Amino acid sequence: MSRTLYLIGGFLALGLGGVGVVLPLLPTVPFIILAAFCFARSNKALELWLLEHPAFGTHIRLWRERGAISRRGKRAALAAFTASTLFALIFAPLPWSLAPLAAALIGGTWIWTRPEA
């Protein structure tokens, strides 16, 4: 039963990571790392596929080995947070425009304090 739940969770995380490619406030790589975690407990072939993926494999391995995020990844995440926050501050009414700002401050601080690869 738990293998099935992990498999479903892996596919959900993979789907959210795919959506994160086009939505700046939704992160991609953390969902892919979560998918690899779930697939490691449910389907070794899918885990291996993610580990060998040219775009995501390195990020997954760095996170597993050292809890590290590449400098390029940090910059990309912070740029996406900045763009989302500016977009919300310009187009969303208060107090709703402050939610992306809070998410950016919390998430950005956490990302920036991770070890660098």
PDB file of N, CA and C in Angstrom:
ATOM      1  N   MET A   1       0.808  -1.194   0.000  1.00  0.00           N
ATOM      2  CA  MET A   1       0.000   0.000   0.000  1.00  0.00           C
ATOM      3  C   MET A   1       0.857   1.266   0.000  1.00  0.00           C
ATOM      4  N   SER A   2       1.895   1.306   0.856  1.00  0.00           N
ATOM      5  CA  SER A   2       2.713   2.514   0.928  1.00  0.00           C
ATOM      6  C   SER A   2       3.502   2.729  -0.362  1.00  0.00           C
ATOM      7  N   ARG A   3       3.884   1.640  -1.036  1.00  0.00           N
ATOM      8  CA  ARG A   3       4.578   1.797  -2.327  1.00  0.00           C
ATOM      9  C   ARG A   3       3.679   2.511  -3.330  1.00  0.00           C
ATOM     10  N   THR A   4       2.412   2.168  -3.315  1.00  0.00           N
ATOM     11  CA  THR A   4       1.458   2.812  -4.220  1.00  0.00           C
ATOM     12  C   THR A   4       1.313   4.293  -3.888  1.00  0.00           C
ATOM     13  N   LEU A   5       1.239   4.621  -2.603  1.00  0.00           N
ATOM     14  CA  LEU A   5       1.142   6.016  -2.193  1.00  0.00           C
ATOM     15  C   LEU A   5       2.393   6.802  -2.577  1.00  0.00           C
ATOM     16  N   TYR A   6       3.564   6.205  -2.397  1.00  0.00           N
ATOM     17  CA  TYR A   6       4.797   6.868  -2.811  1.00  0.00           C
ATOM     18  C   TYR A   6       4.831   7.067  -4.326  1.00  0.00           C
ATOM     19  N   LEU A   7       4.353   6.086  -5.072  1.00  0.00           N
ATOM     20  CA  LEU A   7       4.322   6.210  -6.529  1.00  0.00           C
ATOM     21  C   LEU A   7       3.392   7.349  -6.947  1.00  0.00           C
ATOM     22  N   ILE A   8       2.224   7.413  -6.341  1.00  0.00           N
ATOM     23  CA  ILE A   8       1.280   8.499  -6.635  1.00  0.00           C
ATOM     24  C   ILE A   8       1.904   9.839  -6.249  1.00  0.00           C
ATOM     25  N   GLY A   9       2.518   9.889  -5.072  1.00  0.00           N
ATOM     26  CA  GLY A   9       3.191  11.113  -4.636  1.00  0.00           C
ATOM     27  C   GLY A   9       4.300  11.537  -5.582  1.00  0.00           C
ATOM     28  N   GLY A  10       5.037  10.560  -6.087  1.00  0.00           N
ATOM     29  CA  GLY A  10       6.107  10.857  -7.043  1.00  0.00           C
ATOM     30  C   GLY A  10       5.567  11.466  -8.321  1.00  0.00           C
ATOM     31  N   PHE A  11       4.486  10.904  -8.830  1.00  0.00           N
ATOM     32  CA  PHE A  11       3.893  11.455 -10.056  1.00  0.00           C
ATOM     33  C   PHE A  11       3.283  12.839  -9.811  1.00  0.00           C
ATOM     34  N   LEU A  12       2.667  13.031  -8.638  1.00  0.00           N
ATOM     35  CA  LEU A  12       2.133  14.359  -8.308  1.00  0.00           C
ATOM     36  C   LEU A  12       3.252  15.393  -8.221  1.00  0.00           C
ATOM     37  N   ALA A  13       4.335  15.036  -7.549  1.00  0.00           N
ATOM     38  CA  ALA A  13       5.474  15.951  -7.436  1.00  0.00           C
ATOM     39  C   ALA A  13       6.083  16.233  -8.803  1.00  0.00           C
ATOM     40  N   LEU A  14       6.166  15.211  -9.635  1.00  0.00           N
ATOM     41  CA  LEU A  14       6.697  15.396 -10.984  1.00  0.00           C
ATOM     42  C   LEU A  14       5.799  16.330 -11.784  1.00  0.00           C
ATOM     43  N   GLY A  15       4.486  16.175 -11.642  1.00  0.00           N
ATOM     44  CA  GLY A  15       3.544  17.061 -12.325  1.00  0.00           C
ATOM     45  C   GLY A  15       3.657  18.502 -11.844  1.00  0.00           C
ATOM     46  N   LEU A  16       3.769  18.686 -10.527  1.00  0.00           N
ATOM     47  CA  LEU A  16       3.927  20.035  -9.985  1.00  0.00           C
ATOM     48  C   LEU A  16       5.247  20.654 -10.435  1.00  0.00           C
ATOM     49  N   GLY A  17       6.284  19.834 -10.529  1.00  0.00           N
ATOM     50  CA  GLY A  17       7.559  20.332 -11.049  1.00  0.00           C
ATOM     51  C   GLY A  17       7.429  20.770 -12.498  1.00  0.00           C
ATOM     52  N   GLY A  18       6.645  20.034 -13.272  1.00  0.00           N
ATOM     53  CA  GLY A  18       6.405  20.423 -14.660  1.00  0.00           C
ATOM     54  C   GLY A  18       5.647  21.734 -14.760  1.00  0.00           C
ATOM     55  N   VAL A  19       4.678  21.923 -13.889  1.00  0.00           N
ATOM     56  CA  VAL A  19       3.931  23.189 -13.864  1.00  0.00           C
ATOM     57  C   VAL A  19       4.868  24.317 -13.435  1.00  0.00           C
ATOM     58  N   GLY A  20       5.791  24.007 -12.525  1.00  0.00           N
ATOM     59  CA  GLY A  20       6.736  25.007 -12.046  1.00  0.00           C
ATOM     60  C   GLY A  20       7.673  25.528 -13.124  1.00  0.00           C
ATOM     61  N   VAL A  21       7.802  24.800 -14.215  1.00  0.00           N
ATOM     62  CA  VAL A  21       8.638  25.274 -15.317  1.00  0.00           C
ATOM     63  C   VAL A  21       8.057  26.565 -15.902  1.00  0.00           C
ATOM     64  N   VAL A  22       6.733  26.685 -15.921  1.00  0.00           N
ATOM     65  CA  VAL A  22       6.106  27.853 -16.533  1.00  0.00           C
ATOM     66  C   VAL A  22       5.560  28.867 -15.521  1.00  0.00           C
ATOM     67  N   LEU A  23       5.374  28.463 -14.263  1.00  0.00           N
ATOM     68  CA  LEU A  23       4.904  29.395 -13.234  1.00  0.00           C
ATOM     69  C   LEU A  23       6.067  29.781 -12.330  1.00  0.00           C
ATOM     70  N   PRO A  24       6.458  31.050 -12.329  1.00  0.00           N
ATOM     71  CA  PRO A  24       7.668  31.433 -11.611  1.00  0.00           C
ATOM     72  C   PRO A  24       7.634  31.220 -10.101  1.00  0.00           C
ATOM     73  N   LEU A  25       6.497  31.340  -9.454  1.00  0.00           N
ATOM     74  CA  LEU A  25       6.474  31.195  -8.001  1.00  0.00           C
ATOM     75  C   LEU A  25       6.486  29.731  -7.559  1.00  0.00           C
ATOM     76  N   LEU A  26       6.153  28.823  -8.448  1.00  0.00           N
ATOM     77  CA  LEU A  26       6.147  27.395  -8.123  1.00  0.00           C
ATOM     78  C   LEU A  26       7.511  26.806  -8.496  1.00  0.00           C
ATOM     79  N   PRO A  27       8.264  26.320  -7.532  1.00  0.00           N
ATOM     80  CA  PRO A  27       9.610  25.838  -7.835  1.00  0.00           C
ATOM     81  C   PRO A  27       9.592  24.499  -8.568  1.00  0.00           C
ATOM     82  N   THR A  28      10.552  24.300  -9.434  1.00  0.00           N
ATOM     83  CA  THR A  28      10.634  23.066 -10.208  1.00  0.00           C
ATOM     84  C   THR A  28      11.503  22.023  -9.514  1.00  0.00           C
ATOM     85  N   VAL A  29      12.747  22.372  -9.250  1.00  0.00           N
ATOM     86  CA  VAL A  29      13.720  21.394  -8.749  1.00  0.00           C
ATOM     87  C   VAL A  29      13.307  20.776  -7.413  1.00  0.00           C
ATOM     88  N   PRO A  30      12.788  21.529  -6.437  1.00  0.00           N
ATOM     89  CA  PRO A  30      12.376  20.863  -5.191  1.00  0.00           C
ATOM     90  C   PRO A  30      11.308  19.791  -5.410  1.00  0.00           C
ATOM     91  N   PHE A  31      10.394  20.024  -6.343  1.00  0.00           N
ATOM     92  CA  PHE A  31       9.387  19.000  -6.637  1.00  0.00           C
ATOM     93  C   PHE A  31      10.009  17.794  -7.326  1.00  0.00           C
ATOM     94  N   ILE A  32      11.015  18.019  -8.167  1.00  0.00           N
ATOM     95  CA  ILE A  32      11.697  16.903  -8.821  1.00  0.00           C
ATOM     96  C   ILE A  32      12.482  16.098  -7.780  1.00  0.00           C
ATOM     97  N   ILE A  33      13.100  16.789  -6.838  1.00  0.00           N
ATOM     98  CA  ILE A  33      13.806  16.097  -5.751  1.00  0.00           C
ATOM     99  C   ILE A  33      12.822  15.285  -4.920  1.00  0.00           C
ATOM    100  N   LEU A  34      11.658  15.854  -4.638  1.00  0.00           N
ATOM    101  CA  LEU A  34      10.618  15.116  -3.913  1.00  0.00           C
ATOM    102  C   LEU A  34      10.151  13.908  -4.717  1.00  0.00           C
ATOM    103  N   ALA A  35      10.002  14.065  -6.023  1.00  0.00           N
ATOM    104  CA  ALA A  35       9.606  12.935  -6.871  1.00  0.00           C
ATOM    105  C   ALA A  35      10.652  11.830  -6.797  1.00  0.00           C
ATOM    106  N   ALA A  36      11.938  12.194  -6.840  1.00  0.00           N
ATOM    107  CA  ALA A  36      12.999  11.185  -6.738  1.00  0.00           C
ATOM    108  C   ALA A  36      12.937  10.469  -5.395  1.00  0.00           C
ATOM    109  N   PHE A  37      12.654  11.207  -4.322  1.00  0.00           N
ATOM    110  CA  PHE A  37      12.497  10.615  -2.999  1.00  0.00           C
ATOM    111  C   PHE A  37      11.370   9.586  -3.008  1.00  0.00           C
ATOM    112  N   CYS A  38      10.233   9.973  -3.581  1.00  0.00           N
ATOM    113  CA  CYS A  38       9.078   9.063  -3.627  1.00  0.00           C
ATOM    114  C   CYS A  38       9.353   7.850  -4.515  1.00  0.00           C
ATOM    115  N   PHE A  39       9.981   8.088  -5.663  1.00  0.00           N
ATOM    116  CA  PHE A  39      10.272   6.980  -6.571  1.00  0.00           C
ATOM    117  C   PHE A  39      11.314   6.024  -5.982  1.00  0.00           C
ATOM    118  N   ALA A  40      12.206   6.540  -5.132  1.00  0.00           N
ATOM    119  CA  ALA A  40      13.198   5.673  -4.479  1.00  0.00           C
ATOM    120  C   ALA A  40      12.506   4.646  -3.589  1.00  0.00           C
ATOM    121  N   ARG A  41      11.319   4.970  -3.124  1.00  0.00           N
ATOM    122  CA  ARG A  41      10.570   4.072  -2.254  1.00  0.00           C
ATOM    123  C   ARG A  41       9.481   3.296  -2.978  1.00  0.00           C
ATOM    124  N   SER A  42       9.334   3.551  -4.282  1.00  0.00           N
ATOM    125  CA  SER A  42       8.244   2.875  -4.988  1.00  0.00           C
ATOM    126  C   SER A  42       8.648   2.278  -6.330  1.00  0.00           C
ATOM    127  N   ASN A  43       9.527   2.932  -7.071  1.00  0.00           N
ATOM    128  CA  ASN A  43       9.862   2.468  -8.416  1.00  0.00           C
ATOM    129  C   ASN A  43      11.290   2.873  -8.739  1.00  0.00           C
ATOM    130  N   LYS A  44      12.219   1.928  -8.604  1.00  0.00           N
ATOM    131  CA  LYS A  44      13.646   2.211  -8.804  1.00  0.00           C
ATOM    132  C   LYS A  44      13.951   2.651 -10.236  1.00  0.00           C
ATOM    133  N   ALA A  45      13.194   2.172 -11.209  1.00  0.00           N
ATOM    134  CA  ALA A  45      13.437   2.571 -12.602  1.00  0.00           C
ATOM    135  C   ALA A  45      13.136   4.058 -12.802  1.00  0.00           C
ATOM    136  N   LEU A  46      12.066   4.551 -12.208  1.00  0.00           N
ATOM    137  CA  LEU A  46      11.751   5.976 -12.317  1.00  0.00           C
ATOM    138  C   LEU A  46      12.753   6.827 -11.548  1.00  0.00           C
ATOM    139  N   GLU A  47      13.199   6.340 -10.393  1.00  0.00           N
ATOM    140  CA  GLU A  47      14.238   7.055  -9.650  1.00  0.00           C
ATOM    141  C   GLU A  47      15.509   7.153 -10.485  1.00  0.00           C
ATOM    142  N   LEU A  48      15.914   6.054 -11.084  1.00  0.00           N
ATOM    143  CA  LEU A  48      17.109   6.042 -11.925  1.00  0.00           C
ATOM    144  C   LEU A  48      16.957   6.981 -13.117  1.00  0.00           C
ATOM    145  N   TRP A  49      15.773   7.017 -13.706  1.00  0.00           N
ATOM    146  CA  TRP A  49      15.510   7.925 -14.824  1.00  0.00           C
ATOM    147  C   TRP A  49      15.735   9.378 -14.399  1.00  0.00           C
ATOM    148  N   LEU A  50      15.245   9.739 -13.202  1.00  0.00           N
ATOM    149  CA  LEU A  50      15.447  11.105 -12.710  1.00  0.00           C
ATOM    150  C   LEU A  50      16.920  11.364 -12.384  1.00  0.00           C
ATOM    151  N   LEU A  51      17.589  10.388 -11.775  1.00  0.00           N
ATOM    152  CA  LEU A  51      19.001  10.567 -11.431  1.00  0.00           C
ATOM    153  C   LEU A  51      19.875  10.727 -12.668  1.00  0.00           C
ATOM    154  N   GLU A  52      19.477  10.120 -13.764  1.00  0.00           N
ATOM    155  CA  GLU A  52      20.257  10.211 -15.000  1.00  0.00           C
ATOM    156  C   GLU A  52      19.760  11.325 -15.927  1.00  0.00           C
ATOM    157  N   HIS A  53      18.718  12.027 -15.522  1.00  0.00           N
ATOM    158  CA  HIS A  53      18.164  13.090 -16.360  1.00  0.00           C
ATOM    159  C   HIS A  53      19.200  14.202 -16.514  1.00  0.00           C
ATOM    160  N   PRO A  54      19.430  14.677 -17.750  1.00  0.00           N
ATOM    161  CA  PRO A  54      20.476  15.679 -17.957  1.00  0.00           C
ATOM    162  C   PRO A  54      20.219  17.008 -17.240  1.00  0.00           C
ATOM    163  N   ALA A  55      18.980  17.404 -17.071  1.00  0.00           N
ATOM    164  CA  ALA A  55      18.689  18.694 -16.431  1.00  0.00           C
ATOM    165  C   ALA A  55      18.557  18.583 -14.916  1.00  0.00           C
ATOM    166  N   PHE A  56      18.050  17.483 -14.408  1.00  0.00           N
ATOM    167  CA  PHE A  56      17.723  17.394 -12.989  1.00  0.00           C
ATOM    168  C   PHE A  56      18.606  16.445 -12.190  1.00  0.00           C
ATOM    169  N   GLY A  57      19.273  15.517 -12.833  1.00  0.00           N
ATOM    170  CA  GLY A  57      20.055  14.510 -12.125  1.00  0.00           C
ATOM    171  C   GLY A  57      21.115  15.092 -11.209  1.00  0.00           C
ATOM    172  N   THR A  58      21.834  16.090 -11.699  1.00  0.00           N
ATOM    173  CA  THR A  58      22.881  16.715 -10.895  1.00  0.00           C
ATOM    174  C   THR A  58      22.297  17.377  -9.653  1.00  0.00           C
ATOM    175  N   HIS A  59      21.188  18.072  -9.810  1.00  0.00           N
ATOM    176  CA  HIS A  59      20.557  18.747  -8.668  1.00  0.00           C
ATOM    177  C   HIS A  59      20.108  17.741  -7.612  1.00  0.00           C
ATOM    178  N   ILE A  60      19.553  16.628  -8.059  1.00  0.00           N
ATOM    179  CA  ILE A  60      19.099  15.601  -7.114  1.00  0.00           C
ATOM    180  C   ILE A  60      20.284  15.029  -6.349  1.00  0.00           C
ATOM    181  N   ARG A  61      21.358  14.682  -7.064  1.00  0.00           N
ATOM    182  CA  ARG A  61      22.530  14.103  -6.413  1.00  0.00           C
ATOM    183  C   ARG A  61      23.179  15.089  -5.433  1.00  0.00           C
ATOM    184  N   LEU A  62      23.301  16.362  -5.838  1.00  0.00           N
ATOM    185  CA  LEU A  62      23.880  17.364  -4.933  1.00  0.00           C
ATOM    186  C   LEU A  62      23.050  17.512  -3.668  1.00  0.00           C
ATOM    187  N   TRP A  63      21.736  17.506  -3.821  1.00  0.00           N
ATOM    188  CA  TRP A  63      20.869  17.636  -2.650  1.00  0.00           C
ATOM    189  C   TRP A  63      20.999  16.423  -1.738  1.00  0.00           C
ATOM    190  N   ARG A  64      21.023  15.241  -2.323  1.00  0.00           N
ATOM    191  CA  ARG A  64      21.115  14.020  -1.513  1.00  0.00           C
ATOM    192  C   ARG A  64      22.449  13.917  -0.800  1.00  0.00           C
ATOM    193  N   GLU A  65      23.527  14.293  -1.474  1.00  0.00           N
ATOM    194  CA  GLU A  65      24.861  14.125  -0.903  1.00  0.00           C
ATOM    195  C   GLU A  65      25.219  15.195   0.119  1.00  0.00           C
ATOM    196  N   ARG A  66      24.848  16.462  -0.182  1.00  0.00           N
ATOM    197  CA  ARG A  66      25.307  17.553   0.680  1.00  0.00           C
ATOM    198  C   ARG A  66      24.226  18.542   1.079  1.00  0.00           C
ATOM    199  N   GLY A  67      22.992  18.319   0.644  1.00  0.00           N
ATOM    200  CA  GLY A  67      21.954  19.304   0.905  1.00  0.00           C
ATOM    201  C   GLY A  67      22.263  20.622   0.220  1.00  0.00           C
ATOM    202  N   ALA A  68      22.953  20.540  -0.927  1.00  0.00           N
ATOM    203  CA  ALA A  68      23.476  21.724  -1.601  1.00  0.00           C
ATOM    204  C   ALA A  68      22.620  22.125  -2.804  1.00  0.00           C
ATOM    205  N   ILE A  69      22.643  23.432  -3.079  1.00  0.00           N
ATOM    206  CA  ILE A  69      21.987  24.000  -4.254  1.00  0.00           C
ATOM    207  C   ILE A  69      23.055  24.777  -5.018  1.00  0.00           C
ATOM    208  N   SER A  70      23.088  24.610  -6.317  1.00  0.00           N
ATOM    209  CA  SER A  70      24.096  25.312  -7.114  1.00  0.00           C
ATOM    210  C   SER A  70      23.872  26.818  -7.057  1.00  0.00           C
ATOM    211  N   ARG A  71      24.945  27.578  -7.266  1.00  0.00           N
ATOM    212  CA  ARG A  71      24.827  29.039  -7.269  1.00  0.00           C
ATOM    213  C   ARG A  71      23.881  29.488  -8.373  1.00  0.00           C
ATOM    214  N   ARG A  72      23.979  28.835  -9.520  1.00  0.00           N
ATOM    215  CA  ARG A  72      23.083  29.157 -10.635  1.00  0.00           C
ATOM    216  C   ARG A  72      21.622  28.893 -10.258  1.00  0.00           C
ATOM    217  N   GLY A  73      21.387  27.777  -9.566  1.00  0.00           N
ATOM    218  CA  GLY A  73      20.038  27.450  -9.112  1.00  0.00           C
ATOM    219  C   GLY A  73      19.506  28.464  -8.114  1.00  0.00           C
ATOM    220  N   LYS A  74      20.385  28.895  -7.201  1.00  0.00           N
ATOM    221  CA  LYS A  74      19.982  29.913  -6.229  1.00  0.00           C
ATOM    222  C   LYS A  74      19.611  31.204  -6.940  1.00  0.00           C
ATOM    223  N   ARG A  75      20.446  31.619  -7.872  1.00  0.00           N
ATOM    224  CA  ARG A  75      20.166  32.861  -8.602  1.00  0.00           C
ATOM    225  C   ARG A  75      18.862  32.762  -9.393  1.00  0.00           C
ATOM    226  N   ALA A  76      18.642  31.621 -10.031  1.00  0.00           N
ATOM    227  CA  ALA A  76      17.405  31.443 -10.804  1.00  0.00           C
ATOM    228  C   ALA A  76      16.185  31.493  -9.895  1.00  0.00           C
ATOM    229  N   ALA A  77      16.275  30.835  -8.747  1.00  0.00           N
ATOM    230  CA  ALA A  77      15.147  30.843  -7.805  1.00  0.00           C
ATOM    231  C   ALA A  77      14.874  32.248  -7.288  1.00  0.00           C
ATOM    232  N   LEU A  78      15.916  32.958  -6.940  1.00  0.00           N
ATOM    233  CA  LEU A  78      15.728  34.313  -6.427  1.00  0.00           C
ATOM    234  C   LEU A  78      15.214  35.263  -7.507  1.00  0.00           C
ATOM    235  N   ALA A  79      15.648  35.064  -8.744  1.00  0.00           N
ATOM    236  CA  ALA A  79      15.122  35.876  -9.847  1.00  0.00           C
ATOM    237  C   ALA A  79      13.635  35.595 -10.056  1.00  0.00           C
ATOM    238  N   ALA A  80      13.250  34.333  -9.964  1.00  0.00           N
ATOM    239  CA  ALA A  80      11.834  33.985 -10.114  1.00  0.00           C
ATOM    240  C   ALA A  80      11.008  34.563  -8.970  1.00  0.00           C
ATOM    241  N   PHE A  81      11.534  34.489  -7.753  1.00  0.00           N
ATOM    242  CA  PHE A  81      10.838  35.089  -6.614  1.00  0.00           C
ATOM    243  C   PHE A  81      10.669  36.597  -6.816  1.00  0.00           C
ATOM    244  N   THR A  82      11.723  37.247  -7.281  1.00  0.00           N
ATOM    245  CA  THR A  82      11.671  38.693  -7.498  1.00  0.00           C
ATOM    246  C   THR A  82      10.631  39.049  -8.554  1.00  0.00           C
ATOM    247  N   ALA A  83      10.654  38.320  -9.674  1.00  0.00           N
ATOM    248  CA  ALA A  83       9.690  38.591 -10.747  1.00  0.00           C
ATOM    249  C   ALA A  83       8.262  38.383 -10.266  1.00  0.00           C
ATOM    250  N   SER A  84       8.018  37.310  -9.554  1.00  0.00           N
ATOM    251  CA  SER A  84       6.676  37.034  -9.045  1.00  0.00           C
ATOM    252  C   SER A  84       6.214  38.100  -8.063  1.00  0.00           C
ATOM    253  N   THR A  85       7.113  38.505  -7.192  1.00  0.00           N
ATOM    254  CA  THR A  85       6.769  39.521  -6.202  1.00  0.00           C
ATOM    255  C   THR A  85       6.456  40.852  -6.877  1.00  0.00           C
ATOM    256  N   LEU A  86       7.291  41.258  -7.819  1.00  0.00           N
ATOM    257  CA  LEU A  86       7.039  42.519  -8.533  1.00  0.00           C
ATOM    258  C   LEU A  86       5.719  42.461  -9.295  1.00  0.00           C
ATOM    259  N   PHE A  87       5.473  41.346  -9.944  1.00  0.00           N
ATOM    260  CA  PHE A  87       4.222  41.168 -10.686  1.00  0.00           C
ATOM    261  C   PHE A  87       3.020  41.312  -9.748  1.00  0.00           C
ATOM    262  N   ALA A  88       3.108  40.667  -8.589  1.00  0.00           N
ATOM    263  CA  ALA A  88       2.003  40.728  -7.624  1.00  0.00           C
ATOM    264  C   ALA A  88       1.842  42.132  -7.053  1.00  0.00           C
ATOM    265  N   LEU A  89       2.933  42.778  -6.744  1.00  0.00           N
ATOM    266  CA  LEU A  89       2.845  44.120  -6.175  1.00  0.00           C
ATOM    267  C   LEU A  89       2.248  45.118  -7.167  1.00  0.00           C
ATOM    268  N   ILE A  90       2.495  44.894  -8.454  1.00  0.00           N
ATOM    269  CA  ILE A  90       1.967  45.794  -9.480  1.00  0.00           C
ATOM    270  C   ILE A  90       0.497  45.509  -9.777  1.00  0.00           C
ATOM    271  N   PHE A  91       0.149  44.225  -9.892  1.00  0.00           N
ATOM    272  CA  PHE A  91      -1.174  43.868 -10.409  1.00  0.00           C
ATOM    273  C   PHE A  91      -2.194  43.377  -9.382  1.00  0.00           C
ATOM    274  N   ALA A  92      -1.759  42.936  -8.229  1.00  0.00           N
ATOM    275  CA  ALA A  92      -2.706  42.403  -7.233  1.00  0.00           C
ATOM    276  C   ALA A  92      -3.019  43.469  -6.184  1.00  0.00           C
ATOM    277  N   PRO A  93      -4.246  43.487  -5.729  1.00  0.00           N
ATOM    278  CA  PRO A  93      -4.594  44.467  -4.699  1.00  0.00           C
ATOM    279  C   PRO A  93      -4.043  44.035  -3.329  1.00  0.00           C
ATOM    280  N   LEU A  94      -3.855  45.033  -2.481  1.00  0.00           N
ATOM    281  CA  LEU A  94      -3.472  44.722  -1.106  1.00  0.00           C
ATOM    282  C   LEU A  94      -4.646  44.049  -0.416  1.00  0.00           C
ATOM    283  N   PRO A  95      -4.491  43.163   0.467  1.00  0.00           N
ATOM    284  CA  PRO A  95      -3.278  42.587   1.028  1.00  0.00           C
ATOM    285  C   PRO A  95      -2.772  41.375   0.250  1.00  0.00           C
ATOM    286  N   TRP A  96      -3.467  40.988  -0.822  1.00  0.00           N
ATOM    287  CA  TRP A  96      -3.105  39.788  -1.579  1.00  0.00           C
ATOM    288  C   TRP A  96      -1.720  39.897  -2.202  1.00  0.00           C
ATOM    289  N   SER A  97      -1.295  41.087  -2.545  1.00  0.00           N
ATOM    290  CA  SER A  97       0.019  41.252  -3.164  1.00  0.00           C
ATOM    291  C   SER A  97       1.153  40.987  -2.177  1.00  0.00           C
ATOM    292  N   LEU A  98       0.835  40.945  -0.897  1.00  0.00           N
ATOM    293  CA  LEU A  98       1.871  40.690   0.107  1.00  0.00           C
ATOM    294  C   LEU A  98       2.167  39.203   0.290  1.00  0.00           C
ATOM    295  N   ALA A  99       1.265  38.336  -0.132  1.00  0.00           N
ATOM    296  CA  ALA A  99       1.496  36.884   0.012  1.00  0.00           C
ATOM    297  C   ALA A  99       2.726  36.429  -0.777  1.00  0.00           C
ATOM    298  N   PRO A 100       2.869  36.802  -2.066  1.00  0.00           N
ATOM    299  CA  PRO A 100       4.096  36.413  -2.775  1.00  0.00           C
ATOM    300  C   PRO A 100       5.345  37.037  -2.165  1.00  0.00           C
ATOM    301  N   LEU A 101       5.221  38.219  -1.620  1.00  0.00           N
ATOM    302  CA  LEU A 101       6.364  38.851  -0.957  1.00  0.00           C
ATOM    303  C   LEU A 101       6.798  38.027   0.256  1.00  0.00           C
ATOM    304  N   ALA A 102       5.836  37.596   1.052  1.00  0.00           N
ATOM    305  CA  ALA A 102       6.163  36.762   2.221  1.00  0.00           C
ATOM    306  C   ALA A 102       6.778  35.439   1.788  1.00  0.00           C
ATOM    307  N   ALA A 103       6.192  34.812   0.760  1.00  0.00           N
ATOM    308  CA  ALA A 103       6.740  33.546   0.259  1.00  0.00           C
ATOM    309  C   ALA A 103       8.155  33.733  -0.269  1.00  0.00           C
ATOM    310  N   ALA A 104       8.388  34.831  -0.969  1.00  0.00           N
ATOM    311  CA  ALA A 104       9.718  35.104  -1.509  1.00  0.00           C
ATOM    312  C   ALA A 104      10.736  35.327  -0.394  1.00  0.00           C
ATOM    313  N   LEU A 105      10.344  36.059   0.630  1.00  0.00           N
ATOM    314  CA  LEU A 105      11.269  36.304   1.741  1.00  0.00           C
ATOM    315  C   LEU A 105      11.597  35.027   2.502  1.00  0.00           C
ATOM    316  N   ILE A 106      10.579  34.237   2.773  1.00  0.00           N
ATOM    317  CA  ILE A 106      10.806  32.987   3.511  1.00  0.00           C
ATOM    318  C   ILE A 106      11.570  31.984   2.655  1.00  0.00           C
ATOM    319  N   GLY A 107      11.042  31.727   1.452  1.00  0.00           N
ATOM    320  CA  GLY A 107      11.688  30.748   0.568  1.00  0.00           C
ATOM    321  C   GLY A 107      13.061  31.198   0.110  1.00  0.00           C
ATOM    322  N   GLY A 108      13.197  32.466  -0.234  1.00  0.00           N
ATOM    323  CA  GLY A 108      14.485  32.976  -0.702  1.00  0.00           C
ATOM    324  C   GLY A 108      15.559  32.914   0.366  1.00  0.00           C
ATOM    325  N   THR A 109      15.172  33.240   1.594  1.00  0.00           N
ATOM    326  CA  THR A 109      16.134  33.154   2.697  1.00  0.00           C
ATOM    327  C   THR A 109      16.578  31.715   2.917  1.00  0.00           C
ATOM    328  N   TRP A 110      15.632  30.808   2.888  1.00  0.00           N
ATOM    329  CA  TRP A 110      15.986  29.396   3.084  1.00  0.00           C
ATOM    330  C   TRP A 110      16.907  28.916   1.969  1.00  0.00           C
ATOM    331  N   ILE A 111      16.579  29.240   0.719  1.00  0.00           N
ATOM    332  CA  ILE A 111      17.406  28.815  -0.417  1.00  0.00           C
ATOM    333  C   ILE A 111      18.803  29.402  -0.309  1.00  0.00           C
ATOM    334  N   TRP A 112      18.887  30.689  -0.006  1.00  0.00           N
ATOM    335  CA  TRP A 112      20.190  31.343   0.034  1.00  0.00           C
ATOM    336  C   TRP A 112      21.089  30.797   1.143  1.00  0.00           C
ATOM    337  N   THR A 113      20.510  30.280   2.211  1.00  0.00           N
ATOM    338  CA  THR A 113      21.319  29.756   3.320  1.00  0.00           C
ATOM    339  C   THR A 113      21.728  28.296   3.154  1.00  0.00           C
ATOM    340  N   ARG A 114      21.281  27.631   2.094  1.00  0.00           N
ATOM    341  CA  ARG A 114      21.696  26.246   1.846  1.00  0.00           C
ATOM    342  C   ARG A 114      23.153  26.232   1.383  1.00  0.00           C
ATOM    343  N   PRO A 115      23.847  25.122   1.619  1.00  0.00           N
ATOM    344  CA  PRO A 115      25.216  25.015   1.103  1.00  0.00           C
ATOM    345  C   PRO A 115      25.228  25.158  -0.419  1.00  0.00           C
ATOM    346  N   GLU A 116      26.354  25.645  -0.906  1.00  0.00           N
ATOM    347  CA  GLU A 116      26.476  25.871  -2.340  1.00  0.00           C
ATOM    348  C   GLU A 116      27.299  24.766  -2.977  1.00  0.00           C
ATOM    349  N   ALA A 117      26.856  24.359  -4.150  1.00  0.00           N
ATOM    350  CA  ALA A 117      27.561  23.293  -4.877  1.00  0.00           C
ATOM    351  C   ALA A 117      28.563  23.890  -5.841  1.00  0.00           C
TER     352      ALA A 117
END
